[in-house]
Amino acid sequence: MNSLIADIEKNLITKKEHSSFKAGDTITVFYTIKEGEKERTQFFKGDVIQRKGSGLTETFTIRKMSNGVGVERIFPINSPSIEKIEVNKVGKVRRARIFYMRERTGKSARIKQKR
């Protein structure tokens, strides 16, 4: 059963190659939005909180502060709407999932930068 599902995923879903990133990195995701007949590119810049899953079903969560309100967005890695992913800063964290950032604001919400 699992091999059948893997074969179908391999044939139907095209795997995209993006730059490598992990939790703690600050990235910008450029993705297309369809509004009726029109298409436009929008970006979402924030810190990666987690990467979840493996293979073709892998997702990642990005968090940013917008007017003092925390906004999180989950993207599938192989989404056809994602145009590109840019890594702005490489962060230094000790965990794979940094959910503790949700409670932090101001200086304590900063992530150390890897040199």
C-alpha atoms as a PDB file:
ATOM      1  CA  MET A   1       0.000   0.000   0.000  1.00  0.00           C
ATOM      2  CA  ASN A   2       2.755   2.445   0.939  1.00  0.00           C
ATOM      3  CA  SER A   3       4.696   1.740  -2.240  1.00  0.00           C
ATOM      4  CA  LEU A   4       1.568   2.391  -4.295  1.00  0.00           C
ATOM      5  CA  ILE A   5       1.081   5.780  -2.620  1.00  0.00           C
ATOM      6  CA  ALA A   6       4.771   6.608  -3.076  1.00  0.00           C
ATOM      7  CA  ASP A   7       4.578   5.775  -6.797  1.00  0.00           C
ATOM      8  CA  ILE A   8       1.512   7.980  -7.281  1.00  0.00           C
ATOM      9  CA  GLU A   9       3.146  10.875  -5.396  1.00  0.00           C
ATOM     10  CA  LYS A  10       6.327  10.513  -7.447  1.00  0.00           C
ATOM     11  CA  ASN A  11       4.417  10.666 -10.737  1.00  0.00           C
ATOM     12  CA  LEU A  12       1.942  13.424  -9.910  1.00  0.00           C
ATOM     13  CA  ILE A  13       3.840  15.855  -7.692  1.00  0.00           C
ATOM     14  CA  THR A  14       6.902  17.639  -9.040  1.00  0.00           C
ATOM     15  CA  LYS A  15       9.539  18.156  -6.377  1.00  0.00           C
ATOM     16  CA  LYS A  16      10.946  21.684  -6.227  1.00  0.00           C
ATOM     17  CA  GLU A  17      14.489  22.578  -5.267  1.00  0.00           C
ATOM     18  CA  HIS A  18      14.649  25.494  -2.823  1.00  0.00           C
ATOM     19  CA  SER A  19      17.552  26.864  -0.843  1.00  0.00           C
ATOM     20  CA  SER A  20      18.080  24.954   2.386  1.00  0.00           C
ATOM     21  CA  PHE A  21      16.800  26.492   5.617  1.00  0.00           C
ATOM     22  CA  LYS A  22      15.932  25.351   9.125  1.00  0.00           C
ATOM     23  CA  ALA A  23      14.210  26.571  12.284  1.00  0.00           C
ATOM     24  CA  GLY A  24      15.508  29.949  13.431  1.00  0.00           C
ATOM     25  CA  ASP A  25      16.313  31.250   9.954  1.00  0.00           C
ATOM     26  CA  THR A  26      14.687  34.415   8.630  1.00  0.00           C
ATOM     27  CA  ILE A  27      13.338  33.775   5.145  1.00  0.00           C
ATOM     28  CA  THR A  28      11.216  35.458   2.500  1.00  0.00           C
ATOM     29  CA  VAL A  29       8.711  33.312   0.608  1.00  0.00           C
ATOM     30  CA  PHE A  30       7.496  34.647  -2.747  1.00  0.00           C
ATOM     31  CA  TYR A  31       4.180  33.072  -3.784  1.00  0.00           C
ATOM     32  CA  THR A  32       1.510  33.745  -6.387  1.00  0.00           C
ATOM     33  CA  ILE A  33      -2.043  34.736  -5.542  1.00  0.00           C
ATOM     34  CA  LYS A  34      -4.890  34.291  -8.009  1.00  0.00           C
ATOM     35  CA  GLU A  35      -7.640  36.893  -7.785  1.00  0.00           C
ATOM     36  CA  GLY A  36     -10.201  36.086 -10.427  1.00  0.00           C
ATOM     37  CA  GLU A  37      -8.403  36.281 -13.766  1.00  0.00           C
ATOM     38  CA  LYS A  38      -5.347  38.118 -12.414  1.00  0.00           C
ATOM     39  CA  GLU A  39      -2.223  36.687 -10.813  1.00  0.00           C
ATOM     40  CA  ARG A  40       0.218  38.580  -8.646  1.00  0.00           C
ATOM     41  CA  THR A  41       3.264  37.784  -6.554  1.00  0.00           C
ATOM     42  CA  GLN A  42       3.251  38.483  -2.828  1.00  0.00           C
ATOM     43  CA  PHE A  43       5.923  37.828  -0.250  1.00  0.00           C
ATOM     44  CA  PHE A  44       5.870  36.743   3.391  1.00  0.00           C
ATOM     45  CA  LYS A  45       8.984  37.459   5.453  1.00  0.00           C
ATOM     46  CA  GLY A  46       9.493  36.003   8.898  1.00  0.00           C
ATOM     47  CA  ASP A  47      11.255  33.500  11.138  1.00  0.00           C
ATOM     48  CA  VAL A  48      10.938  29.777  10.528  1.00  0.00           C
ATOM     49  CA  ILE A  49       9.349  28.215  13.612  1.00  0.00           C
ATOM     50  CA  GLN A  50       9.303  24.614  12.428  1.00  0.00           C
ATOM     51  CA  ARG A  51       9.680  22.191   9.546  1.00  0.00           C
ATOM     52  CA  LYS A  52       7.298  19.276   9.719  1.00  0.00           C
ATOM     53  CA  GLY A  53       6.868  16.066   7.748  1.00  0.00           C
ATOM     54  CA  SER A  54       9.121  14.491   5.185  1.00  0.00           C
ATOM     55  CA  GLY A  55       9.341  13.991   1.458  1.00  0.00           C
ATOM     56  CA  LEU A  56       6.597  15.470  -0.670  1.00  0.00           C
ATOM     57  CA  THR A  57       4.266  16.278   2.244  1.00  0.00           C
ATOM     58  CA  GLU A  58       6.781  18.430   4.132  1.00  0.00           C
ATOM     59  CA  THR A  59       5.578  21.796   5.447  1.00  0.00           C
ATOM     60  CA  PHE A  60       7.156  24.748   7.225  1.00  0.00           C
ATOM     61  CA  THR A  61       5.717  27.448   9.478  1.00  0.00           C
ATOM     62  CA  ILE A  62       6.782  31.086   9.353  1.00  0.00           C
ATOM     63  CA  ARG A  63       5.997  33.670  12.027  1.00  0.00           C
ATOM     64  CA  LYS A  64       6.202  37.444  11.762  1.00  0.00           C
ATOM     65  CA  MET A  65       4.979  40.408  13.764  1.00  0.00           C
ATOM     66  CA  SER A  66       2.533  42.656  11.928  1.00  0.00           C
ATOM     67  CA  ASN A  67       1.494  45.820  13.795  1.00  0.00           C
ATOM     68  CA  GLY A  68       2.165  44.153  17.141  1.00  0.00           C
ATOM     69  CA  VAL A  69       0.158  41.046  16.264  1.00  0.00           C
ATOM     70  CA  GLY A  70       1.863  37.725  15.621  1.00  0.00           C
ATOM     71  CA  VAL A  71       0.992  36.193  12.245  1.00  0.00           C
ATOM     72  CA  GLU A  72       1.863  32.606  11.359  1.00  0.00           C
ATOM     73  CA  ARG A  73       1.549  30.950   8.000  1.00  0.00           C
ATOM     74  CA  ILE A  74       2.078  27.315   7.020  1.00  0.00           C
ATOM     75  CA  PHE A  75       3.453  26.552   3.556  1.00  0.00           C
ATOM     76  CA  PRO A  76       3.863  23.157   1.884  1.00  0.00           C
ATOM     77  CA  ILE A  77       7.411  22.874   0.520  1.00  0.00           C
ATOM     78  CA  ASN A  78       6.266  21.516  -2.861  1.00  0.00           C
ATOM     79  CA  SER A  79       3.412  23.966  -3.348  1.00  0.00           C
ATOM     80  CA  PRO A  80       3.105  25.070  -6.989  1.00  0.00           C
ATOM     81  CA  SER A  81       2.233  28.599  -5.836  1.00  0.00           C
ATOM     82  CA  ILE A  82       5.660  29.145  -4.225  1.00  0.00           C
ATOM     83  CA  GLU A  83       7.958  30.876  -6.706  1.00  0.00           C
ATOM     84  CA  LYS A  84      11.118  31.118  -4.620  1.00  0.00           C
ATOM     85  CA  ILE A  85      12.446  31.118  -1.077  1.00  0.00           C
ATOM     86  CA  GLU A  86      15.216  33.501  -0.040  1.00  0.00           C
ATOM     87  CA  VAL A  87      17.215  32.996   3.159  1.00  0.00           C
ATOM     88  CA  ASN A  88      17.835  36.430   4.695  1.00  0.00           C
ATOM     89  CA  LYS A  89      19.549  35.443   7.987  1.00  0.00           C
ATOM     90  CA  VAL A  90      20.804  32.144   9.321  1.00  0.00           C
ATOM     91  CA  GLY A  91      19.731  31.860  12.947  1.00  0.00           C
ATOM     92  CA  LYS A  92      21.399  29.972  15.772  1.00  0.00           C
ATOM     93  CA  VAL A  93      18.888  28.016  17.847  1.00  0.00           C
ATOM     94  CA  ARG A  94      19.167  24.774  19.795  1.00  0.00           C
ATOM     95  CA  ARG A  95      15.778  23.335  18.965  1.00  0.00           C
ATOM     96  CA  ALA A  96      14.044  22.130  15.833  1.00  0.00           C
ATOM     97  CA  ARG A  97      10.730  23.713  16.845  1.00  0.00           C
ATOM     98  CA  ILE A  98      10.886  27.117  18.492  1.00  0.00           C
ATOM     99  CA  PHE A  99       7.317  27.580  19.683  1.00  0.00           C
ATOM    100  CA  TYR A 100       8.593  29.539  22.699  1.00  0.00           C
ATOM    101  CA  MET A 101       8.892  32.516  20.327  1.00  0.00           C
ATOM    102  CA  ARG A 102       5.100  32.876  20.434  1.00  0.00           C
ATOM    103  CA  GLU A 103       5.200  34.232  23.994  1.00  0.00           C
ATOM    104  CA  ARG A 104       8.136  36.568  23.414  1.00  0.00           C
ATOM    105  CA  THR A 105       8.139  40.156  22.191  1.00  0.00           C
ATOM    106  CA  GLY A 106      10.772  42.859  21.853  1.00  0.00           C
ATOM    107  CA  LYS A 107      14.418  42.112  22.605  1.00  0.00           C
ATOM    108  CA  SER A 108      13.765  38.628  23.986  1.00  0.00           C
ATOM    109  CA  ALA A 109      12.209  37.620  20.644  1.00  0.00           C
ATOM    110  CA  ARG A 110      15.468  38.142  18.768  1.00  0.00           C
ATOM    111  CA  ILE A 111      17.302  35.130  17.394  1.00  0.00           C
ATOM    112  CA  LYS A 112      21.093  35.083  17.456  1.00  0.00           C
ATOM    113  CA  GLN A 113      22.681  35.165  14.036  1.00  0.00           C
ATOM    114  CA  LYS A 114      25.139  32.492  12.968  1.00  0.00           C
ATOM    115  CA  ARG A 115      28.483  33.872  11.797  1.00  0.00           C
END
